[in-house]
Protein backbone atom coordinates (compact mmCIF):
# COMPACT_ATOMS: atom_id res chain seq x y z
CA MET A 1 118.64 50.27 154.42
CA ALA A 2 121.12 52.55 152.67
CA LEU A 3 120.01 53.80 149.24
CA VAL A 4 121.72 55.60 146.35
CA LEU A 5 119.56 57.63 143.91
CA THR A 6 121.25 58.53 140.66
CA GLY A 7 120.28 61.12 138.06
CA THR A 8 120.59 64.84 137.53
CA VAL A 9 120.65 66.31 141.05
CA VAL A 10 119.54 69.86 141.74
CA THR A 11 121.33 70.99 144.89
CA TYR A 12 120.49 74.68 145.30
CA ASP A 13 124.17 75.11 146.21
CA GLU A 14 125.52 78.21 144.43
CA ALA A 15 128.92 76.55 143.96
CA ASP A 16 127.48 73.45 142.31
CA PRO A 17 123.75 74.01 141.60
CA VAL A 18 123.24 70.97 139.27
CA VAL A 19 125.13 67.69 139.34
CA THR A 20 124.62 65.93 136.05
CA GLY A 21 125.23 62.22 136.53
CA GLY A 22 124.93 62.70 140.23
CA ALA A 23 124.22 60.40 143.17
CA VAL A 24 122.37 61.12 146.38
CA TYR A 25 123.56 58.84 149.21
CA ILE A 26 120.87 58.14 151.81
CA GLY A 27 121.96 56.38 154.97
CA ASP A 28 120.27 53.68 157.06
CA ASP A 29 118.79 56.48 159.16
CA GLY A 30 116.97 57.95 156.17
CA LEU A 31 119.10 61.07 156.13
CA ILE A 32 121.08 62.32 153.16
CA ASP A 33 124.74 61.58 153.72
CA SER A 34 126.15 63.33 150.67
CA VAL A 35 125.61 64.31 147.03
CA ALA A 36 128.39 63.66 144.51
CA PRO A 37 129.02 62.71 140.91
CA SER A 38 128.09 59.05 140.53
CA ARG A 39 131.37 58.29 138.82
CA ARG A 40 133.22 58.92 142.08
CA ALA A 41 133.77 56.17 144.57
CA ALA A 42 130.85 55.75 146.99
CA PRO A 43 131.28 57.06 150.54
CA ALA A 44 132.10 54.56 153.24
CA GLY A 45 129.15 52.34 154.03
CA PHE A 46 127.48 52.67 150.61
CA SER A 47 129.34 50.07 148.51
CA ARG A 48 126.47 47.57 148.88
CA ALA A 49 123.66 50.04 149.03
CA ARG A 50 120.73 49.57 146.68
CA ARG A 51 121.00 51.81 143.65
CA VAL A 52 118.05 53.39 141.94
CA TRP A 53 118.70 54.78 138.44
CA THR A 54 116.04 57.49 138.14
CA ASP A 55 116.78 58.51 134.58
CA GLY A 56 115.43 61.88 135.72
CA VAL A 57 115.90 64.94 137.92
CA ILE A 58 116.26 64.65 141.67
CA THR A 59 115.33 67.80 143.61
CA PRO A 60 115.25 68.58 147.29
CA GLY A 61 111.85 68.04 148.91
CA LEU A 62 109.60 71.07 149.31
CA ILE A 63 107.98 71.89 152.60
CA ASP A 64 104.35 73.01 152.35
CA LEU A 65 104.05 75.47 155.22
CA HIS A 66 100.30 76.12 154.86
CA ASN A 67 97.71 73.73 153.53
CA HIS A 68 94.22 72.51 154.26
CA LEU A 69 94.44 68.82 153.33
CA ALA A 70 90.71 68.25 154.00
CA TYR A 71 89.94 70.44 150.95
CA ASN A 72 92.62 69.19 148.58
CA PHE A 73 90.42 66.63 146.87
CA LEU A 74 88.12 69.41 145.58
CA PRO A 75 88.61 71.22 142.27
CA LEU A 76 89.73 74.85 142.35
CA TRP A 77 86.80 77.03 143.35
CA SER A 78 85.73 79.73 140.91
CA ALA A 79 84.47 82.80 142.77
CA PRO A 80 81.05 83.93 141.49
CA ARG A 81 82.14 87.41 140.81
CA ASP A 82 84.54 89.38 138.64
CA VAL A 83 85.65 91.91 141.22
CA PRO A 84 88.34 90.73 143.63
CA TYR A 85 87.39 90.29 147.26
CA GLY A 86 88.61 92.99 149.59
CA SER A 87 89.37 90.63 152.47
CA ARG A 88 89.45 86.94 153.33
CA HIS A 89 86.25 87.39 155.36
CA GLN A 90 84.13 88.04 152.27
CA TRP A 91 84.49 84.92 150.10
CA PRO A 92 83.17 82.38 152.61
CA SER A 93 79.77 84.14 152.49
CA ALA A 94 79.50 83.67 148.68
CA ALA A 95 76.40 81.74 147.65
CA THR A 96 78.39 78.92 146.01
CA TYR A 97 81.07 78.51 148.69
CA GLY A 98 79.04 76.35 151.03
CA ARG A 99 77.69 74.22 148.19
CA ASP A 100 81.05 73.80 146.39
CA ILE A 101 83.54 73.82 149.30
CA SER A 102 82.25 73.47 152.84
CA ASN A 103 79.52 70.88 152.28
CA PRO A 104 81.62 68.46 150.14
CA ALA A 105 84.57 68.72 152.54
CA GLN A 106 82.40 67.99 155.51
CA ALA A 107 80.63 65.11 153.74
CA MET A 108 83.90 63.54 152.64
CA GLY A 109 85.33 63.97 156.14
CA LEU A 110 82.44 61.91 157.53
CA ALA A 111 82.32 59.32 154.82
CA ALA A 112 85.96 58.77 153.80
CA ALA A 113 88.35 60.95 155.79
CA ALA A 114 91.26 58.56 155.50
CA ALA A 115 90.89 58.13 151.75
CA ALA A 116 90.57 61.90 151.23
CA LEU A 117 93.69 62.49 153.30
CA ARG A 118 95.68 59.90 151.38
CA TYR A 119 94.56 61.47 148.12
CA ALA A 120 95.60 64.94 149.35
CA GLU A 121 98.98 63.56 150.43
CA VAL A 122 99.58 61.97 147.00
CA ARG A 123 98.69 65.25 145.28
CA ALA A 124 101.15 67.10 147.52
CA ALA A 125 103.89 64.56 146.87
CA ALA A 126 103.22 64.72 143.09
CA GLY A 127 103.77 68.47 143.39
CA GLY A 128 107.12 67.97 145.15
CA ALA A 129 106.15 68.45 148.76
CA THR A 130 107.77 66.01 151.16
CA ALA A 131 106.48 67.60 154.35
CA ILE A 132 103.18 69.36 155.17
CA GLN A 133 102.49 71.52 158.14
């Protein structure tokens, strides 16, 4: 189903970086067909497309190239020291790491893996990520 999102569109195109009163035309295939001011005539095939008035800012999706979704339901871990670690091999041996990170992640994975993954995906989407590797 074709869709038209309207709002302030951030394009990251140097020639036209922000389209105020813009429209993003998404085809039946789910791909973006075009971005244009919404006052212009719709491209061919979009005259009957569903319109969503966002009253907000529309940005391109962000790709999260490195994430550990199994841990994303946990709060940010505070290292139990003031001096920075010298390498990534040091912090997993901290006394609180197993208790605060490894054990809860493993327990959640056994008890509610699907729910934890859904929660992590929602957090990522709320932060702007539309794809996670």
